[in-house]
Protein backbone atom coordinates (compact mmCIF):
# COMPACT_ATOMS: atom_id res chain seq x y z
CA MET A 1 0.09 0.19 0.08
CA ARG A 2 3.10 2.55 1.20
CA LEU A 3 4.29 1.74 -2.57
CA ARG A 4 1.19 2.20 -3.93
CA ALA A 5 0.89 5.97 -2.47
CA LEU A 6 4.44 6.53 -3.54
CA VAL A 7 4.14 6.30 -7.12
CA VAL A 8 0.73 8.40 -7.52
CA LEU A 9 2.40 10.93 -4.97
CA LEU A 10 4.99 10.93 -7.69
CA LEU A 11 3.83 10.13 -10.23
CA LEU A 12 1.42 13.69 -9.36
CA ALA A 13 4.40 15.96 -8.62
CA ASN A 14 5.73 14.60 -11.70
CA LEU A 15 2.84 16.40 -13.35
CA LEU A 16 2.79 19.03 -11.59
CA TYR A 17 6.19 20.04 -12.83
CA PHE A 18 5.42 19.36 -15.96
CA ALA A 19 2.71 21.97 -16.57
CA TRP A 20 4.66 24.38 -14.21
CA ALA A 21 8.06 24.01 -16.80
CA ARG A 22 4.56 24.94 -20.05
CA GLY A 23 3.20 27.53 -18.54
CA GLY A 24 -0.35 25.94 -16.80
CA LEU A 25 0.25 27.85 -13.84
CA ALA A 26 0.37 30.72 -15.00
CA MET A 27 -3.14 31.76 -13.74
CA PHE A 28 -1.99 31.02 -10.38
CA GLY A 29 1.94 33.36 -10.93
CA THR A 30 3.63 30.59 -10.97
CA VAL A 31 5.65 31.17 -14.36
CA PRO A 32 9.59 29.72 -14.99
CA ALA A 33 11.39 32.67 -15.35
CA ARG A 34 12.40 31.16 -19.13
CA LEU A 35 8.85 31.18 -20.39
CA GLY A 36 8.12 33.63 -23.65
CA GLN A 37 12.19 34.47 -23.36
CA SER A 38 13.98 34.01 -26.66
CA GLU A 39 17.40 34.81 -27.39
CA PRO A 40 18.10 37.58 -29.30
CA GLU A 41 21.83 38.09 -28.27
CA ARG A 42 22.76 34.89 -29.10
CA LEU A 43 21.06 35.56 -32.57
CA LYS A 44 23.15 38.98 -33.30
CA GLN A 45 26.18 38.01 -32.35
CA GLN A 46 26.18 34.82 -34.99
CA ILE A 47 29.26 35.29 -36.70
CA ARG A 48 27.75 34.50 -41.05
CA PRO A 49 25.39 31.90 -40.16
CA GLN A 50 24.82 30.99 -43.87
CA LEU A 51 27.85 29.44 -44.12
CA LEU A 52 27.14 26.76 -41.86
CA GLN A 53 27.06 23.17 -43.10
CA ILE A 54 25.93 19.94 -41.38
CA ARG A 55 27.47 17.23 -42.82
CA LYS A 56 27.67 13.75 -42.68
CA ASP A 57 30.52 11.91 -40.39
CA GLU A 58 32.35 9.37 -42.46
CA GLY A 59 34.51 8.61 -39.64
CA ALA A 60 31.54 7.00 -37.83
CA ALA A 61 29.80 5.02 -40.14
CA GLY A 62 33.55 2.97 -40.86
CA ALA A 63 33.72 2.13 -37.31
CA LYS A 64 33.01 -1.28 -36.22
CA PRO A 65 31.23 -1.50 -32.36
């Protein structure tokens, strides 16, 4: 019985954290600091982002586990 209560308590705590992290508790005045904020200063600091290329790692394809 105690294990079942512990599992239910942990499940409720996880659901409460999920709701808080997504801003679902904003009506109660609890909003995480990072919600709704972006980082425009980081975007301004990028140097020529158009030159960024994503390449497939050739060395990993030949490696055997």
